Amino acid sequence: MLNIFKGIFPPVPTIVDESGELDRAGMAVMIDHVISNGADGMLILGSGGEFSHFSSEQRKQIAEFSLQHVAGRVPVLIGIACASTAETIQLGRHAENAGAKGVLVVNPYYAKLSDEARFTHYKRIAEALSIPVFLYNFPELTGQDIGINVITRLAREVPNIVGIKDTIDNISHTREVINQVHSFRPDFIIFSGYDEYLLDTLLLGGHGGIPATFNFAPHITRGIYQAIQQNDLATAKALQQQLAGLSPLYALEQPFFAVIKTAIKLSGVDISTAVVPPALPLNEEKREQVKNILSRITV
């Protein structure tokens, strides 16, 4: 079962119209684009999917449409995180009933939680669902690291928690998760969060990545993963150097939602670049900066 969660699972942006409502035609184009370019799976309603700016009802609508359109062609993870345990479980049950292969859960934000509270939050979610649960560690945005000790305890004590997306700007953190958790549970899936750590994560024993750059430069991260599977380090190195050139995109605007959508549009995929308030669209100057950064890569 866990073999379906290996490889490249891009976080698909949620395509919306100018009023912030789901653009079904655009979302269909985006999903088909990702699948046709060789994604092993996808994440819907991750950070780049603007999950935090949608209501629960909107999130259910987006999950349902996406799962129906994918129609089993690749495995789909649905982001279900909320600050509340009960609401997270509700979204998780909806995702399970709608056909998701697994769910991804960033730790609760705003209120700082004790180790025991974080552990219990995840344990309750995992026990309420039958499909696999992935931890999502993104302390820069949540304000709190899940914590190595909590991650290790969850991996040891909660079988339905099967992996983690480790989005932390420190590869030694991911290395430590791998060293500790794989010592007793080698099948625990490790996805890189930050695109530029994909190669490091794979070399350390991880299983893949959830890179937003796949949405507009799929050959790079897909190529890195395939090169490592084939032990072609020269190709992996060359592609990693191209990937490094894309990293400045993430610093152009906060949040980065409009940057990713603009890059996708500039790469030739016909989608709306509208974002959900309070996020803002890119101005012309930043759009030109995106274009300049994209010009550094080769297909």
Protein backbone atom coordinates (compact mmCIF):
# COMPACT_ATOMS: atom_id res chain seq x y z
CA MET A 1 0.00 0.00 0.00
CA LEU A 2 2.72 2.50 0.94
CA ASN A 3 4.47 2.01 -2.41
CA ILE A 4 1.85 4.26 -4.01
CA PHE A 5 3.21 7.18 -1.97
CA LYS A 6 6.70 7.20 -3.44
CA GLY A 7 7.94 9.71 -6.00
CA ILE A 8 6.81 13.20 -6.93
CA PHE A 9 3.47 14.45 -5.56
CA PRO A 10 3.17 18.09 -6.63
CA PRO A 11 1.02 20.40 -4.51
CA VAL A 12 -1.55 21.43 -7.09
CA PRO A 13 -2.70 25.06 -6.78
CA THR A 14 -6.43 25.62 -6.44
CA ILE A 15 -7.56 27.45 -9.56
CA VAL A 16 -10.17 30.09 -8.75
CA ASP A 17 -12.02 32.83 -10.60
CA GLU A 18 -11.83 36.53 -9.78
CA SER A 19 -14.43 36.11 -7.02
CA GLY A 20 -12.35 33.45 -5.30
CA GLU A 21 -14.63 30.54 -6.19
CA LEU A 22 -13.39 27.26 -7.65
CA ASP A 23 -12.80 27.47 -11.40
CA ARG A 24 -13.71 23.91 -12.35
CA ALA A 25 -12.53 24.15 -15.95
CA GLY A 26 -9.22 25.65 -14.86
CA MET A 27 -8.77 23.09 -12.10
CA ALA A 28 -9.39 20.31 -14.60
CA VAL A 29 -6.72 21.76 -16.90
CA MET A 30 -4.28 21.94 -13.98
CA ILE A 31 -4.91 18.38 -12.84
CA ASP A 32 -4.58 17.01 -16.39
CA HIS A 33 -1.35 18.97 -16.86
CA VAL A 34 0.20 17.48 -13.73
CA ILE A 35 -0.82 13.93 -14.62
CA SER A 36 0.28 14.18 -18.27
CA ASN A 37 3.72 15.35 -17.15
CA GLY A 38 4.38 12.24 -15.12
CA ALA A 39 3.48 13.07 -11.53
CA ASP A 40 3.36 9.96 -9.34
CA GLY A 41 0.48 11.48 -7.37
CA MET A 42 -0.66 14.89 -6.20
CA LEU A 43 -1.55 16.92 -3.14
CA ILE A 44 -4.77 18.92 -3.21
CA LEU A 45 -5.35 21.72 -0.65
CA GLY A 46 -1.80 21.93 0.58
CA SER A 47 -0.21 25.24 1.53
CA GLY A 48 0.08 26.22 -2.14
CA GLY A 49 -3.51 25.13 -2.61
CA GLU A 50 -4.52 28.06 -0.37
CA PHE A 51 -6.34 25.77 2.07
CA SER A 52 -6.09 28.33 4.88
CA HIS A 53 -8.11 30.90 2.92
CA PHE A 54 -11.09 28.67 2.14
CA SER A 55 -14.09 27.77 4.29
CA SER A 56 -14.61 24.12 5.21
CA GLU A 57 -17.46 23.88 2.72
CA GLN A 58 -15.29 25.26 -0.05
CA ARG A 59 -12.53 22.81 0.85
CA LYS A 60 -14.97 19.90 0.61
CA GLN A 61 -16.12 21.15 -2.79
CA ILE A 62 -12.52 21.43 -4.04
CA ALA A 63 -11.61 17.98 -2.72
CA GLU A 64 -14.69 16.37 -4.27
CA PHE A 65 -14.19 17.95 -7.68
CA SER A 66 -10.47 17.13 -7.76
CA LEU A 67 -10.94 13.50 -6.78
CA GLN A 68 -13.74 13.07 -9.32
CA HIS A 69 -11.62 14.58 -12.08
CA VAL A 70 -8.51 12.57 -11.23
CA ALA A 71 -10.74 9.48 -11.33
CA GLY A 72 -8.10 7.18 -9.89
CA ARG A 73 -5.41 7.97 -12.47
CA VAL A 74 -2.90 8.75 -9.70
CA PRO A 75 -3.12 8.63 -5.88
CA VAL A 76 -4.36 11.86 -4.30
CA LEU A 77 -3.53 13.28 -0.88
CA ILE A 78 -5.92 15.86 0.54
CA GLY A 79 -4.79 18.53 2.99
CA ILE A 80 -7.26 18.57 5.89
CA ALA A 81 -5.54 20.65 8.57
CA CYS A 82 -7.45 23.04 10.81
CA ALA A 83 -6.64 24.57 14.16
CA SER A 84 -9.37 22.37 15.66
CA THR A 85 -9.01 18.59 16.04
CA ALA A 86 -12.75 18.03 15.50
CA GLU A 87 -12.89 20.03 12.26
CA THR A 88 -9.76 18.30 10.97
CA ILE A 89 -11.38 14.91 11.57
CA GLN A 90 -14.55 16.08 9.82
CA LEU A 91 -12.57 17.10 6.73
CA GLY A 92 -10.61 13.85 6.93
CA ARG A 93 -13.76 11.74 6.92
CA HIS A 94 -15.05 13.72 3.96
CA ALA A 95 -11.80 13.17 2.05
CA GLU A 96 -11.91 9.45 2.85
CA ASN A 97 -15.50 9.12 1.65
CA ALA A 98 -14.70 11.10 -1.50
CA GLY A 99 -11.92 8.68 -2.47
CA ALA A 100 -8.65 10.20 -1.24
CA LYS A 101 -5.79 7.72 -0.84
CA GLY A 102 -4.47 9.62 2.17
CA VAL A 103 -4.54 12.93 4.03
CA LEU A 104 -1.87 15.45 4.96
CA VAL A 105 -2.13 17.32 8.25
CA VAL A 106 -0.06 20.35 9.22
CA ASN A 107 0.04 20.83 12.98
CA PRO A 108 -2.40 23.30 14.58
CA TYR A 109 -1.42 26.94 14.35
CA TYR A 110 -1.86 30.10 16.46
CA ALA A 111 -2.05 28.49 19.93
CA LYS A 112 1.25 26.95 21.04
CA LEU A 113 0.73 23.33 22.10
CA SER A 114 2.61 21.04 24.44
CA ASP A 115 4.24 17.88 23.08
CA GLU A 116 1.41 15.85 24.59
CA ALA A 117 -1.24 18.05 22.96
CA ARG A 118 0.39 17.75 19.52
CA PHE A 119 0.73 13.99 19.94
CA THR A 120 -2.89 13.59 21.03
CA HIS A 121 -4.16 15.79 18.18
CA TYR A 122 -2.55 13.56 15.57
CA LYS A 123 -3.43 10.32 17.36
CA ARG A 124 -7.11 11.25 17.46
CA ILE A 125 -7.13 12.13 13.77
CA ALA A 126 -5.39 8.91 12.74
CA GLU A 127 -7.67 6.75 14.86
CA ALA A 128 -10.76 8.41 13.37
CA LEU A 129 -9.75 7.59 9.78
CA SER A 130 -9.13 4.40 7.83
CA ILE A 131 -6.92 5.95 5.14
CA PRO A 132 -3.24 6.78 5.77
CA VAL A 133 -2.34 10.01 7.55
CA PHE A 134 0.76 12.05 6.76
CA LEU A 135 2.26 14.56 9.17
CA TYR A 136 3.11 17.95 7.70
CA ASN A 137 5.80 19.90 9.48
CA PHE A 138 6.03 23.57 8.45
CA PRO A 139 7.14 25.53 11.53
CA GLU A 140 7.80 28.74 9.59
CA LEU A 141 4.05 29.05 9.00
CA THR A 142 2.53 27.22 11.96
CA GLY A 143 4.84 28.85 14.51
CA GLN A 144 5.80 25.53 16.07
CA ASP A 145 7.80 22.46 15.03
CA ILE A 146 5.94 19.18 15.51
CA GLY A 147 9.16 18.07 17.21
CA ILE A 148 11.45 15.09 16.61
CA ASN A 149 10.30 13.37 19.78
CA VAL A 150 6.62 13.73 18.87
CA ILE A 151 7.23 12.58 15.28
CA THR A 152 9.13 9.53 16.54
CA ARG A 153 6.47 8.67 19.12
CA LEU A 154 3.67 8.97 16.54
CA ALA A 155 5.56 6.74 14.11
CA ARG A 156 6.08 4.17 16.86
CA GLU A 157 2.64 4.20 18.48
CA VAL A 158 0.15 5.12 15.72
CA PRO A 159 0.30 2.69 12.76
CA ASN A 160 -2.07 4.74 10.58
CA ILE A 161 0.42 7.64 10.55
CA VAL A 162 2.55 6.52 7.63
CA GLY A 163 4.82 9.42 6.70
CA ILE A 164 5.76 13.09 6.83
CA LYS A 165 6.26 16.08 4.60
CA ASP A 166 9.13 17.87 6.30
CA THR A 167 9.08 21.51 5.20
CA ILE A 168 11.87 22.96 7.25
CA ASP A 169 14.84 24.95 5.98
CA ASN A 170 17.40 22.65 7.55
CA ILE A 171 18.25 19.32 5.93
CA SER A 172 19.72 18.06 9.21
CA HIS A 173 16.18 18.03 10.63
CA THR A 174 14.99 15.69 7.88
CA ARG A 175 18.13 13.61 8.31
CA GLU A 176 17.37 13.21 12.02
CA VAL A 177 13.76 12.18 11.30
CA ILE A 178 15.05 9.54 8.87
CA ASN A 179 17.74 8.29 11.26
CA GLN A 180 15.40 7.98 14.21
CA VAL A 181 12.21 6.74 12.58
CA HIS A 182 13.74 4.39 10.02
CA SER A 183 15.62 2.60 12.79
CA PHE A 184 12.35 0.90 13.78
CA ARG A 185 9.98 1.70 10.90
CA PRO A 186 11.89 1.74 7.59
CA ASP A 187 8.70 1.97 5.52
CA PHE A 188 7.77 5.39 7.03
CA ILE A 189 7.46 7.71 4.03
CA ILE A 190 9.67 10.82 4.02
CA PHE A 191 8.74 13.57 1.56
CA SER A 192 10.85 16.68 1.17
CA GLY A 193 8.91 19.90 1.58
CA TYR A 194 11.28 22.52 0.22
CA ASP A 195 11.97 21.75 -3.43
CA GLU A 196 15.71 22.33 -3.20
CA TYR A 197 16.07 19.57 -0.57
CA LEU A 198 14.56 16.88 -2.78
CA LEU A 199 17.92 15.47 -3.85
CA ASP A 200 19.33 15.54 -0.32
CA THR A 201 16.22 13.83 1.03
CA LEU A 202 16.44 11.06 -1.56
CA LEU A 203 20.15 10.51 -0.90
CA LEU A 204 19.48 10.28 2.83
CA GLY A 205 16.87 7.56 2.35
CA GLY A 206 13.69 9.55 1.74
CA HIS A 207 11.02 8.53 -0.71
CA GLY A 208 10.14 11.60 -2.76
CA GLY A 209 8.97 15.17 -2.62
CA ILE A 210 6.03 17.54 -2.82
CA PRO A 211 7.57 20.28 -5.00
CA ALA A 212 5.52 23.23 -6.24
CA THR A 213 8.02 23.81 -9.05
CA PHE A 214 6.75 20.62 -10.72
CA ASN A 215 3.64 22.57 -11.70
CA PHE A 216 5.61 24.71 -14.16
CA ALA A 217 8.94 22.85 -14.61
CA PRO A 218 7.98 19.20 -14.22
CA HIS A 219 11.04 17.81 -15.95
CA ILE A 220 13.34 19.02 -13.17
CA THR A 221 12.00 17.36 -10.03
CA ARG A 222 10.63 14.37 -11.94
CA GLY A 223 14.08 14.04 -13.53
CA ILE A 224 15.89 14.21 -10.19
CA TYR A 225 13.74 11.45 -8.76
CA GLN A 226 14.17 9.24 -11.83
CA ALA A 227 17.92 9.87 -11.96
CA ILE A 228 18.35 8.73 -8.37
CA GLN A 229 16.30 5.59 -9.04
CA GLN A 230 18.68 4.88 -11.93
CA ASN A 231 21.80 5.83 -9.95
CA ASP A 232 22.54 8.58 -12.51
CA LEU A 233 24.18 11.12 -10.24
CA ALA A 234 25.46 13.29 -13.08
CA THR A 235 21.92 13.96 -14.32
CA ALA A 236 20.66 14.50 -10.77
CA LYS A 237 23.42 17.05 -10.17
CA ALA A 238 22.67 18.99 -13.37
CA LEU A 239 18.95 19.11 -12.63
CA GLN A 240 19.58 20.10 -9.01
CA GLN A 241 21.57 23.10 -10.24
CA GLN A 242 18.61 24.14 -12.39
CA LEU A 243 16.26 23.68 -9.44
CA ALA A 244 18.44 25.93 -7.31
CA GLY A 245 17.92 28.69 -9.85
CA LEU A 246 14.16 28.57 -9.24
CA SER A 247 14.37 28.94 -5.46
CA PRO A 248 14.24 32.78 -5.53
CA LEU A 249 10.64 32.53 -6.77
CA TYR A 250 9.43 31.72 -3.27
CA ALA A 251 10.76 35.01 -1.90
CA LEU A 252 9.09 37.26 -4.47
CA GLU A 253 5.75 37.59 -2.69
CA GLN A 254 4.15 36.49 0.56
CA PRO A 255 2.20 34.31 0.34
CA PHE A 256 3.70 32.76 -2.77
CA PHE A 257 0.38 31.60 -4.29
CA ALA A 258 0.27 34.13 -7.13
CA VAL A 259 3.93 33.50 -7.94
CA ILE A 260 3.33 29.81 -8.58
CA LYS A 261 0.19 30.46 -10.62
CA THR A 262 1.95 33.11 -12.68
CA ALA A 263 4.86 30.76 -13.35
CA ILE A 264 2.41 28.08 -14.47
CA LYS A 265 0.65 30.53 -16.79
CA LEU A 266 3.98 31.72 -18.23
CA SER A 267 5.02 28.11 -18.84
CA GLY A 268 2.08 27.75 -21.23
CA VAL A 269 -0.73 26.29 -19.11
CA ASP A 270 -3.92 28.27 -19.65
CA ILE A 271 -5.18 28.92 -16.12
CA SER A 272 -6.45 31.86 -14.13
CA THR A 273 -3.81 33.40 -11.86
CA ALA A 274 -6.42 34.78 -9.44
CA VAL A 275 -5.83 34.16 -5.74
CA VAL A 276 -8.08 34.17 -2.68
CA PRO A 277 -7.96 37.25 -0.42
CA PRO A 278 -6.13 38.26 1.67
CA ALA A 279 -3.49 37.08 -0.83
CA LEU A 280 -2.84 39.56 -3.63
CA PRO A 281 -2.15 39.10 -7.35
CA LEU A 282 1.30 39.95 -8.65
CA ASN A 283 2.02 43.40 -10.00
CA GLU A 284 3.69 43.79 -13.39
CA GLU A 285 7.17 44.26 -11.91
CA LYS A 286 7.01 40.97 -10.03
CA ARG A 287 5.50 39.23 -13.01
CA GLU A 288 8.58 40.26 -14.99
CA GLN A 289 10.80 38.93 -12.21
CA VAL A 290 9.04 35.57 -12.44
CA LYS A 291 9.62 35.58 -16.20
CA ASN A 292 13.32 36.34 -15.71
CA ILE A 293 13.77 33.53 -13.19
CA LEU A 294 12.01 31.05 -15.47
CA SER A 295 14.35 32.03 -18.31
CA ARG A 296 17.24 30.44 -16.38
CA ILE A 297 15.99 26.91 -16.85
CA THR A 298 16.17 24.71 -19.91
CA VAL A 299 13.71 22.04 -20.97
